[in-house]
Every structure is written in C-alpha cells, then in structure tokens.
Amino acid sequence: GGPFWVKDEGANLSLQIVESAQINKKSKIQKNILKKATHFNPV
C-alpha cells in the first residue's frame, strides 16, 4: 500500500494508506495518481 490524499463521499480530504486492489485501474486519472506515488507503506 501507499500514502495518498483521499476524498470521501462527502468530499472530505484525509490521508490514507491505500492498497492497489482498492484503486480503479481502469480510470486513467486514478492510474496516473497511483504512478506518481513516491513512497509506500512498510507497516
């Protein structure tokens, strides 16, 4: 997983650790954000 700024249904932003399985790879926008990740979560 990696560290991302995430927007919830109420448009609130927060920091989250996100696994790649939680990301919609079919969306170009989401895929591009994933590619720009500079760090990942070592637990």
All heavy atoms as atom14 arrays in JSON, in Angstrom:
{
  "sequence": "GGPFWVKDEGANLSLQIVESAQINKKSKIQKNILKKATHFNPV",
  "atom14_mask": [
    [1, 1, 1, 1, 0, 0, 0, 0, 0, 0, 0, 0, 0, 0],
    [1, 1, 1, 1, 0, 0, 0, 0, 0, 0, 0, 0, 0, 0],
    [1, 1, 1, 1, 1, 1, 1, 0, 0, 0, 0, 0, 0, 0],
    [1, 1, 1, 1, 1, 1, 1, 1, 1, 1, 1, 0, 0, 0],
    [1, 1, 1, 1, 1, 1, 1, 1, 1, 1, 1, 1, 1, 1],
    [1, 1, 1, 1, 1, 1, 1, 0, 0, 0, 0, 0, 0, 0],
    [1, 1, 1, 1, 1, 1, 1, 1, 1, 0, 0, 0, 0, 0],
    [1, 1, 1, 1, 1, 1, 1, 1, 0, 0, 0, 0, 0, 0],
    [1, 1, 1, 1, 1, 1, 1, 1, 1, 0, 0, 0, 0, 0],
    [1, 1, 1, 1, 0, 0, 0, 0, 0, 0, 0, 0, 0, 0],
    [1, 1, 1, 1, 1, 0, 0, 0, 0, 0, 0, 0, 0, 0],
    [1, 1, 1, 1, 1, 1, 1, 1, 0, 0, 0, 0, 0, 0],
    [1, 1, 1, 1, 1, 1, 1, 1, 0, 0, 0, 0, 0, 0],
    [1, 1, 1, 1, 1, 1, 0, 0, 0, 0, 0, 0, 0, 0],
    [1, 1, 1, 1, 1, 1, 1, 1, 0, 0, 0, 0, 0, 0],
    [1, 1, 1, 1, 1, 1, 1, 1, 1, 0, 0, 0, 0, 0],
    [1, 1, 1, 1, 1, 1, 1, 1, 0, 0, 0, 0, 0, 0],
    [1, 1, 1, 1, 1, 1, 1, 0, 0, 0, 0, 0, 0, 0],
    [1, 1, 1, 1, 1, 1, 1, 1, 1, 0, 0, 0, 0, 0],
    [1, 1, 1, 1, 1, 1, 0, 0, 0, 0, 0, 0, 0, 0],
    [1, 1, 1, 1, 1, 0, 0, 0, 0, 0, 0, 0, 0, 0],
    [1, 1, 1, 1, 1, 1, 1, 1, 1, 0, 0, 0, 0, 0],
    [1, 1, 1, 1, 1, 1, 1, 1, 0, 0, 0, 0, 0, 0],
    [1, 1, 1, 1, 1, 1, 1, 1, 0, 0, 0, 0, 0, 0],
    [1, 1, 1, 1, 1, 1, 1, 1, 1, 0, 0, 0, 0, 0],
    [1, 1, 1, 1, 1, 1, 1, 1, 1, 0, 0, 0, 0, 0],
    [1, 1, 1, 1, 1, 1, 0, 0, 0, 0, 0, 0, 0, 0],
    [1, 1, 1, 1, 1, 1, 1, 1, 1, 0, 0, 0, 0, 0],
    [1, 1, 1, 1, 1, 1, 1, 1, 0, 0, 0, 0, 0, 0],
    [1, 1, 1, 1, 1, 1, 1, 1, 1, 0, 0, 0, 0, 0],
    [1, 1, 1, 1, 1, 1, 1, 1, 1, 0, 0, 0, 0, 0],
    [1, 1, 1, 1, 1, 1, 1, 1, 0, 0, 0, 0, 0, 0],
    [1, 1, 1, 1, 1, 1, 1, 1, 0, 0, 0, 0, 0, 0],
    [1, 1, 1, 1, 1, 1, 1, 1, 0, 0, 0, 0, 0, 0],
    [1, 1, 1, 1, 1, 1, 1, 1, 1, 0, 0, 0, 0, 0],
    [1, 1, 1, 1, 1, 1, 1, 1, 1, 0, 0, 0, 0, 0],
    [1, 1, 1, 1, 1, 0, 0, 0, 0, 0, 0, 0, 0, 0],
    [1, 1, 1, 1, 1, 1, 1, 0, 0, 0, 0, 0, 0, 0],
    [1, 1, 1, 1, 1, 1, 1, 1, 1, 1, 0, 0, 0, 0],
    [1, 1, 1, 1, 1, 1, 1, 1, 1, 1, 1, 0, 0, 0],
    [1, 1, 1, 1, 1, 1, 1, 1, 0, 0, 0, 0, 0, 0],
    [1, 1, 1, 1, 1, 1, 1, 0, 0, 0, 0, 0, 0, 0],
    [1, 1, 1, 1, 1, 1, 1, 0, 0, 0, 0, 0, 0, 0]
  ],
  "atom14_positions": [
    [[0.83, -1.21, 0.0], [0.0, 0.0, 0.0], [0.85, 1.25, 0.0], [2.04, 1.21, 0.3], [0.0, 0.0, 0.0], [0.0, 0.0, 0.0], [0.0, 0.0, 0.0], [0.0, 0.0, 0.0], [0.0, 0.0, 0.0], [0.0, 0.0, 0.0], [0.0, 0.0, 0.0], [0.0, 0.0, 0.0], [0.0, 0.0, 0.0], [0.0, 0.0, 0.0]],
    [[0.22, 2.35, -0.34], [0.94, 3.62, -0.36], [0.16, 4.73, 0.29], [-1.05, 4.6, 0.56], [0.0, 0.0, 0.0], [0.0, 0.0, 0.0], [0.0, 0.0, 0.0], [0.0, 0.0, 0.0], [0.0, 0.0, 0.0], [0.0, 0.0, 0.0], [0.0, 0.0, 0.0], [0.0, 0.0, 0.0], [0.0, 0.0, 0.0], [0.0, 0.0, 0.0]],
    [[0.84, 5.87, 0.58], [0.18, 7.01, 1.22], [-0.46, 7.95, 0.19], [0.21, 8.39, -0.75], [1.35, 7.71, 1.93], [2.56, 7.38, 1.1], [2.3, 6.08, 0.43], [0.0, 0.0, 0.0], [0.0, 0.0, 0.0], [0.0, 0.0, 0.0], [0.0, 0.0, 0.0], [0.0, 0.0, 0.0], [0.0, 0.0, 0.0], [0.0, 0.0, 0.0]],
    [[-1.74, 8.23, 0.37], [-2.47, 9.1, -0.57], [-3.39, 10.05, 0.17], [-3.83, 9.76, 1.29], [-3.32, 8.25, -1.53], [-2.52, 7.42, -2.49], [-2.14, 6.13, -2.17], [-2.13, 7.94, -3.73], [-1.4, 5.36, -3.05], [-1.38, 7.18, -4.62], [-1.02, 5.89, -4.28], [0.0, 0.0, 0.0], [0.0, 0.0, 0.0], [0.0, 0.0, 0.0]],
    [[-3.68, 11.18, -0.49], [-4.78, 12.03, -0.09], [-6.03, 11.45, -0.75], [-6.05, 11.24, -1.96], [-4.57, 13.47, -0.57], [-3.51, 14.22, 0.18], [-2.24, 14.46, -0.21], [-3.66, 14.86, 1.46], [-1.56, 15.2, 0.74], [-2.42, 15.46, 1.77], [-4.71, 14.98, 2.37], [-2.2, 16.17, 2.96], [-4.5, 15.68, 3.55], [-3.26, 16.28, 3.83]],
    [[-7.05, 11.18, 0.07], [-8.26, 10.51, -0.42], [-9.48, 11.38, -0.15], [-9.57, 12.02, 0.89], [-8.4, 9.12, 0.28], [-9.77, 8.53, 0.04], [-7.31, 8.18, -0.2], [0.0, 0.0, 0.0], [0.0, 0.0, 0.0], [0.0, 0.0, 0.0], [0.0, 0.0, 0.0], [0.0, 0.0, 0.0], [0.0, 0.0, 0.0], [0.0, 0.0, 0.0]],
    [[-10.4, 11.38, -1.12], [-11.64, 12.16, -0.96], [-12.79, 11.19, -0.7], [-12.99, 10.24, -1.47], [-11.9, 12.95, -2.25], [-12.98, 14.01, -2.1], [-13.2, 14.77, -3.41], [-12.25, 15.93, -3.55], [-12.58, 16.79, -4.71], [0.0, 0.0, 0.0], [0.0, 0.0, 0.0], [0.0, 0.0, 0.0], [0.0, 0.0, 0.0], [0.0, 0.0, 0.0]],
    [[-13.54, 11.41, 0.38], [-14.67, 10.52, 0.67], [-15.95, 11.01, -0.01], [-15.93, 12.0, -0.75], [-14.84, 10.34, 2.18], [-15.34, 11.61, 2.89], [-15.76, 12.57, 2.21], [-15.29, 11.65, 4.15], [0.0, 0.0, 0.0], [0.0, 0.0, 0.0], [0.0, 0.0, 0.0], [0.0, 0.0, 0.0], [0.0, 0.0, 0.0], [0.0, 0.0, 0.0]],
    [[-17.05, 10.33, 0.26], [-18.33, 10.67, -0.4], [-18.79, 12.07, -0.08], [-19.5, 12.71, -0.85], [-19.41, 9.66, 0.0], [-19.19, 8.29, -0.63], [-20.06, 7.21, -0.03], [-20.64, 7.45, 1.05], [-20.17, 6.14, -0.64], [0.0, 0.0, 0.0], [0.0, 0.0, 0.0], [0.0, 0.0, 0.0], [0.0, 0.0, 0.0], [0.0, 0.0, 0.0]],
    [[-18.38, 12.58, 1.1], [-18.77, 13.94, 1.48], [-17.75, 14.97, 1.03], [-17.75, 16.1, 1.51], [0.0, 0.0, 0.0], [0.0, 0.0, 0.0], [0.0, 0.0, 0.0], [0.0, 0.0, 0.0], [0.0, 0.0, 0.0], [0.0, 0.0, 0.0], [0.0, 0.0, 0.0], [0.0, 0.0, 0.0], [0.0, 0.0, 0.0], [0.0, 0.0, 0.0]],
    [[-16.84, 14.57, 0.13], [-15.79, 15.44, -0.43], [-14.77, 15.89, 0.62], [-14.06, 16.87, 0.44], [-16.4, 16.65, -1.14], [0.0, 0.0, 0.0], [0.0, 0.0, 0.0], [0.0, 0.0, 0.0], [0.0, 0.0, 0.0], [0.0, 0.0, 0.0], [0.0, 0.0, 0.0], [0.0, 0.0, 0.0], [0.0, 0.0, 0.0], [0.0, 0.0, 0.0]],
    [[-14.69, 15.13, 1.75], [-13.68, 15.44, 2.78], [-12.36, 14.78, 2.42], [-12.33, 13.61, 2.03], [-14.15, 14.9, 4.15], [-15.48, 15.5, 4.56], [-15.6, 16.72, 4.69], [-16.48, 14.66, 4.74], [0.0, 0.0, 0.0], [0.0, 0.0, 0.0], [0.0, 0.0, 0.0], [0.0, 0.0, 0.0], [0.0, 0.0, 0.0], [0.0, 0.0, 0.0]],
    [[-11.28, 15.54, 2.59], [-9.95, 15.01, 2.28], [-9.27, 14.47, 3.53], [-9.36, 15.08, 4.6], [-9.06, 16.12, 1.71], [-9.1, 16.4, 0.2], [-8.11, 17.5, -0.12], [-8.79, 15.17, -0.61], [0.0, 0.0, 0.0], [0.0, 0.0, 0.0], [0.0, 0.0, 0.0], [0.0, 0.0, 0.0], [0.0, 0.0, 0.0], [0.0, 0.0, 0.0]],
    [[-8.58, 13.34, 3.4], [-7.8, 12.83, 4.53], [-6.65, 11.98, 4.0], [-6.66, 11.53, 2.85], [-8.68, 11.98, 5.46], [-9.16, 10.85, 4.76], [0.0, 0.0, 0.0], [0.0, 0.0, 0.0], [0.0, 0.0, 0.0], [0.0, 0.0, 0.0], [0.0, 0.0, 0.0], [0.0, 0.0, 0.0], [0.0, 0.0, 0.0], [0.0, 0.0, 0.0]],
    [[-5.66, 11.77, 4.85], [-4.53, 10.91, 4.49], [-4.89, 9.46, 4.79], [-5.38, 9.16, 5.87], [-3.29, 11.3, 5.3], [-2.59, 12.6, 4.87], [-1.52, 12.98, 5.89], [-1.96, 12.46, 3.48], [0.0, 0.0, 0.0], [0.0, 0.0, 0.0], [0.0, 0.0, 0.0], [0.0, 0.0, 0.0], [0.0, 0.0, 0.0], [0.0, 0.0, 0.0]],
    [[-4.62, 8.59, 3.81], [-4.94, 7.16, 3.98], [-3.82, 6.3, 3.4], [-3.13, 6.71, 2.47], [-6.25, 6.82, 3.25], [-7.47, 7.58, 3.71], [-7.91, 7.24, 5.12], [-7.55, 6.2, 5.67], [-8.7, 8.12, 5.73], [0.0, 0.0, 0.0], [0.0, 0.0, 0.0], [0.0, 0.0, 0.0], [0.0, 0.0, 0.0], [0.0, 0.0, 0.0]],
    [[-3.7, 5.09, 3.95], [-2.83, 4.07, 3.33], [-3.74, 3.22, 2.46], [-4.7, 2.62, 2.94], [-2.15, 3.19, 4.41], [-1.22, 4.04, 5.28], [-1.38, 2.05, 3.76], [-0.68, 3.32, 6.51], [0.0, 0.0, 0.0], [0.0, 0.0, 0.0], [0.0, 0.0, 0.0], [0.0, 0.0, 0.0], [0.0, 0.0, 0.0], [0.0, 0.0, 0.0]],
    [[-3.45, 3.22, 1.16], [-4.35, 2.58, 0.2], [-3.63, 1.42, -0.49], [-2.49, 1.56, -0.95], [-4.83, 3.6, -0.86], [-5.79, 2.95, -1.84], [-5.49, 4.81, -0.19], [0.0, 0.0, 0.0], [0.0, 0.0, 0.0], [0.0, 0.0, 0.0], [0.0, 0.0, 0.0], [0.0, 0.0, 0.0], [0.0, 0.0, 0.0], [0.0, 0.0, 0.0]],
    [[-4.3, 0.27, -0.56], [-3.76, -0.88, -1.3], [-4.13, -0.75, -2.77], [-5.18, -0.19, -3.1], [-4.35, -2.19, -0.75], [-4.08, -2.44, 0.72], [-2.61, -2.55, 1.08], [-1.85, -3.16, 0.3], [-2.22, -2.02, 2.13], [0.0, 0.0, 0.0], [0.0, 0.0, 0.0], [0.0, 0.0, 0.0], [0.0, 0.0, 0.0], [0.0, 0.0, 0.0]],
    [[-3.31, -1.32, -3.64], [-3.58, -1.16, -5.08], [-4.91, -1.81, -5.47], [-5.57, -1.38, -6.4], [-2.43, -1.71, -5.93], [-2.29, -3.09, -5.68], [0.0, 0.0, 0.0], [0.0, 0.0, 0.0], [0.0, 0.0, 0.0], [0.0, 0.0, 0.0], [0.0, 0.0, 0.0], [0.0, 0.0, 0.0], [0.0, 0.0, 0.0], [0.0, 0.0, 0.0]],
    [[-5.33, -2.85, -4.72], [-6.61, -3.52, -5.02], [-7.81, -2.59, -4.8], [-8.9, -2.84, -5.31], [-6.76, -4.76, -4.15], [0.0, 0.0, 0.0], [0.0, 0.0, 0.0], [0.0, 0.0, 0.0], [0.0, 0.0, 0.0], [0.0, 0.0, 0.0], [0.0, 0.0, 0.0], [0.0, 0.0, 0.0], [0.0, 0.0, 0.0], [0.0, 0.0, 0.0]],
    [[-7.6, -1.5, -4.03], [-8.7, -0.57, -3.75], [-8.84, 0.52, -4.82], [-9.72, 1.35, -4.74], [-8.47, 0.11, -2.4], [-8.49, -0.83, -1.2], [-8.15, -0.07, 0.07], [-7.0, 0.19, 0.39], [-9.18, 0.31, 0.81], [0.0, 0.0, 0.0], [0.0, 0.0, 0.0], [0.0, 0.0, 0.0], [0.0, 0.0, 0.0], [0.0, 0.0, 0.0]],
    [[-7.92, 0.5, -5.78], [-7.87, 1.6, -6.77], [-8.43, 1.12, -8.11], [-8.12, 0.02, -8.57], [-6.41, 2.09, -6.94], [-5.88, 2.63, -5.61], [-6.31, 3.17, -8.03], [-4.37, 2.79, -5.55], [0.0, 0.0, 0.0], [0.0, 0.0, 0.0], [0.0, 0.0, 0.0], [0.0, 0.0, 0.0], [0.0, 0.0, 0.0], [0.0, 0.0, 0.0]],
    [[-9.23, 1.97, -8.73], [-9.82, 1.65, -10.03], [-8.77, 1.85, -11.14], [-8.56, 2.96, -11.62], [-11.04, 2.54, -10.28], [-11.72, 2.22, -11.6], [-11.33, 1.28, -12.29], [-12.74, 2.99, -11.95], [0.0, 0.0, 0.0], [0.0, 0.0, 0.0], [0.0, 0.0, 0.0], [0.0, 0.0, 0.0], [0.0, 0.0, 0.0], [0.0, 0.0, 0.0]],
    [[-8.13, 0.75, -11.55], [-7.05, 0.85, -12.56], [-7.58, 1.19, -13.95], [-6.82, 1.51, -14.85], [-6.25, -0.47, -12.65], [-5.88, -1.1, -11.33], [-4.67, -0.47, -10.69], [-4.12, -1.3, -9.55], [-5.05, -2.13, -8.81], [0.0, 0.0, 0.0], [0.0, 0.0, 0.0], [0.0, 0.0, 0.0], [0.0, 0.0, 0.0], [0.0, 0.0, 0.0]],
    [[-8.91, 1.05, -14.14], [-9.48, 1.35, -15.46], [-9.64, 2.86, -15.65], [-9.85, 3.34, -16.76], [-10.83, 0.65, -15.63], [-10.68, -0.86, -15.78], [-12.02, -1.55, -15.86], [-11.82, -3.07, -15.92], [-13.09, -3.78, -15.77], [0.0, 0.0, 0.0], [0.0, 0.0, 0.0], [0.0, 0.0, 0.0], [0.0, 0.0, 0.0], [0.0, 0.0, 0.0]],
    [[-9.55, 3.61, -14.54], [-9.64, 5.07, -14.63], [-8.25, 5.64, -14.88], [-7.33, 5.43, -14.08], [-10.21, 5.65, -13.33], [-9.87, 7.01, -13.2], [0.0, 0.0, 0.0], [0.0, 0.0, 0.0], [0.0, 0.0, 0.0], [0.0, 0.0, 0.0], [0.0, 0.0, 0.0], [0.0, 0.0, 0.0], [0.0, 0.0, 0.0], [0.0, 0.0, 0.0]],
    [[-8.1, 6.37, -15.98], [-6.79, 6.95, -16.32], [-6.34, 7.91, -15.23], [-5.16, 7.95, -14.85], [-6.88, 7.72, -17.65], [-6.51, 6.88, -18.85], [-6.42, 7.77, -20.08], [-6.02, 6.91, -21.29], [-6.08, 7.68, -22.53], [0.0, 0.0, 0.0], [0.0, 0.0, 0.0], [0.0, 0.0, 0.0], [0.0, 0.0, 0.0], [0.0, 0.0, 0.0]],
    [[-7.27, 8.7, -14.71], [-6.94, 9.7, -13.69], [-6.38, 9.0, -12.45], [-5.34, 9.37, -11.92], [-8.18, 10.56, -13.33], [-8.6, 11.41, -14.54], [-7.89, 11.47, -12.13], [-9.94, 12.09, -14.4], [0.0, 0.0, 0.0], [0.0, 0.0, 0.0], [0.0, 0.0, 0.0], [0.0, 0.0, 0.0], [0.0, 0.0, 0.0], [0.0, 0.0, 0.0]],
    [[-7.11, 7.96, -11.98], [-6.68, 7.25, -10.77], [-5.35, 6.52, -10.99], [-4.47, 6.52, -10.14], [-7.76, 6.24, -10.34], [-9.07, 6.87, -9.92], [-8.97, 7.65, -8.6], [-8.81, 7.08, -7.54], [-9.03, 8.97, -8.67], [0.0, 0.0, 0.0], [0.0, 0.0, 0.0], [0.0, 0.0, 0.0], [0.0, 0.0, 0.0], [0.0, 0.0, 0.0]],
    [[-5.2, 5.97, -12.2], [-3.97, 5.24, -12.53], [-2.77, 6.19, -12.55], [-1.68, 5.85, -12.08], [-4.13, 4.57, -13.9], [-3.31, 3.32, -14.05], [-3.65, 2.62, -15.34], [-2.65, 1.5, -15.62], [-2.89, 0.85, -16.89], [0.0, 0.0, 0.0], [0.0, 0.0, 0.0], [0.0, 0.0, 0.0], [0.0, 0.0, 0.0], [0.0, 0.0, 0.0]],
    [[-2.98, 7.39, -13.06], [-1.9, 8.39, -13.11], [-1.49, 8.84, -11.71], [-0.31, 9.05, -11.44], [-2.31, 9.61, -13.94], [-2.24, 9.3, -15.44], [-1.51, 8.39, -15.84], [-2.99, 10.03, -16.25], [0.0, 0.0, 0.0], [0.0, 0.0, 0.0], [0.0, 0.0, 0.0], [0.0, 0.0, 0.0], [0.0, 0.0, 0.0], [0.0, 0.0, 0.0]],
    [[-2.48, 8.99, -10.83], [-2.17, 9.37, -9.44], [-1.34, 8.26, -8.79], [-0.34, 8.52, -8.12], [-3.46, 9.64, -8.63], [-4.2, 10.87, -9.19], [-3.13, 9.85, -7.14], [-5.59, 11.09, -8.62], [0.0, 0.0, 0.0], [0.0, 0.0, 0.0], [0.0, 0.0, 0.0], [0.0, 0.0, 0.0], [0.0, 0.0, 0.0], [0.0, 0.0, 0.0]],
    [[-1.75, 7.02, -9.04], [-1.02, 5.87, -8.5], [0.44, 5.87, -8.96], [1.37, 5.62, -8.19], [-1.72, 4.57, -8.93], [-1.12, 3.24, -8.48], [-1.05, 3.15, -6.96], [-1.92, 2.07, -9.04], [0.0, 0.0, 0.0], [0.0, 0.0, 0.0], [0.0, 0.0, 0.0], [0.0, 0.0, 0.0], [0.0, 0.0, 0.0], [0.0, 0.0, 0.0]],
    [[0.65, 6.2, -10.23], [2.01, 6.23, -10.8], [2.88, 7.3, -10.16], [4.1, 7.2, -10.14], [1.94, 6.49, -12.32], [1.67, 5.26, -13.14], [1.66, 5.62, -14.62], [1.24, 4.44, -15.48], [0.99, 4.85, -16.87], [0.0, 0.0, 0.0], [0.0, 0.0, 0.0], [0.0, 0.0, 0.0], [0.0, 0.0, 0.0], [0.0, 0.0, 0.0]],
    [[2.25, 8.36, -9.65], [3.02, 9.47, -9.08], [3.4, 9.24, -7.61], [4.04, 10.1, -6.99], [2.22, 10.78, -9.2], [2.18, 11.29, -10.65], [1.31, 12.52, -10.79], [1.23, 12.96, -12.25], [0.2, 13.98, -12.46], [0.0, 0.0, 0.0], [0.0, 0.0, 0.0], [0.0, 0.0, 0.0], [0.0, 0.0, 0.0], [0.0, 0.0, 0.0]],
    [[3.0, 8.1, -7.07], [3.34, 7.8, -5.66], [4.85, 7.71, -5.5], [5.52, 7.03, -6.26], [2.68, 6.5, -5.24], [0.0, 0.0, 0.0], [0.0, 0.0, 0.0], [0.0, 0.0, 0.0], [0.0, 0.0, 0.0], [0.0, 0.0, 0.0], [0.0, 0.0, 0.0], [0.0, 0.0, 0.0], [0.0, 0.0, 0.0], [0.0, 0.0, 0.0]],
    [[5.38, 8.43, -4.54], [6.83, 8.44, -4.29], [7.23, 7.53, -3.13], [8.39, 7.2, -2.97], [7.3, 9.87, -3.95], [6.53, 10.34, -2.82], [7.11, 10.82, -5.12], [0.0, 0.0, 0.0], [0.0, 0.0, 0.0], [0.0, 0.0, 0.0], [0.0, 0.0, 0.0], [0.0, 0.0, 0.0], [0.0, 0.0, 0.0], [0.0, 0.0, 0.0]],
    [[6.24, 7.13, -2.31], [6.52, 6.35, -1.11], [5.53, 5.19, -0.99], [4.48, 5.2, -1.64], [6.41, 7.22, 0.15], [7.5, 8.24, 0.27], [7.6, 9.33, -0.58], [8.56, 8.32, 1.12], [8.67, 10.04, -0.24], [9.26, 9.46, 0.79], [0.0, 0.0, 0.0], [0.0, 0.0, 0.0], [0.0, 0.0, 0.0], [0.0, 0.0, 0.0]],
    [[5.89, 4.22, -0.17], [4.92, 3.16, 0.12], [4.99, 2.77, 1.59], [5.89, 3.19, 2.32], [5.09, 1.96, -0.82], [6.3, 1.12, -0.55], [6.24, -0.01, 0.24], [7.52, 1.47, -1.1], [7.36, -0.78, 0.49], [8.65, 0.7, -0.87], [8.57, -0.43, -0.08], [0.0, 0.0, 0.0], [0.0, 0.0, 0.0], [0.0, 0.0, 0.0]],
    [[4.01, 1.97, 1.99], [3.79, 1.65, 3.4], [4.51, 0.36, 3.8], [4.15, -0.71, 3.32], [2.27, 1.5, 3.62], [1.94, 0.78, 4.9], [2.49, 1.08, 5.94], [1.04, -0.19, 4.82], [0.0, 0.0, 0.0], [0.0, 0.0, 0.0], [0.0, 0.0, 0.0], [0.0, 0.0, 0.0], [0.0, 0.0, 0.0], [0.0, 0.0, 0.0]],
    [[5.5, 0.45, 4.68], [6.21, -0.76, 5.12], [5.58, -1.42, 6.34], [6.15, -2.35, 6.9], [7.61, -0.23, 5.46], [7.36, 1.17, 5.94], [6.13, 1.68, 5.23], [0.0, 0.0, 0.0], [0.0, 0.0, 0.0], [0.0, 0.0, 0.0], [0.0, 0.0, 0.0], [0.0, 0.0, 0.0], [0.0, 0.0, 0.0], [0.0, 0.0, 0.0]],
    [[4.4, -0.96, 6.77], [3.75, -1.37, 8.01], [4.7, -1.11, 9.18], [5.3, -1.99, 9.77], [3.29, -2.85, 7.99], [2.48, -3.15, 9.26], [2.47, -3.15, 6.76], [0.0, 0.0, 0.0], [0.0, 0.0, 0.0], [0.0, 0.0, 0.0], [0.0, 0.0, 0.0], [0.0, 0.0, 0.0], [0.0, 0.0, 0.0], [0.0, 0.0, 0.0]]
  ]
}
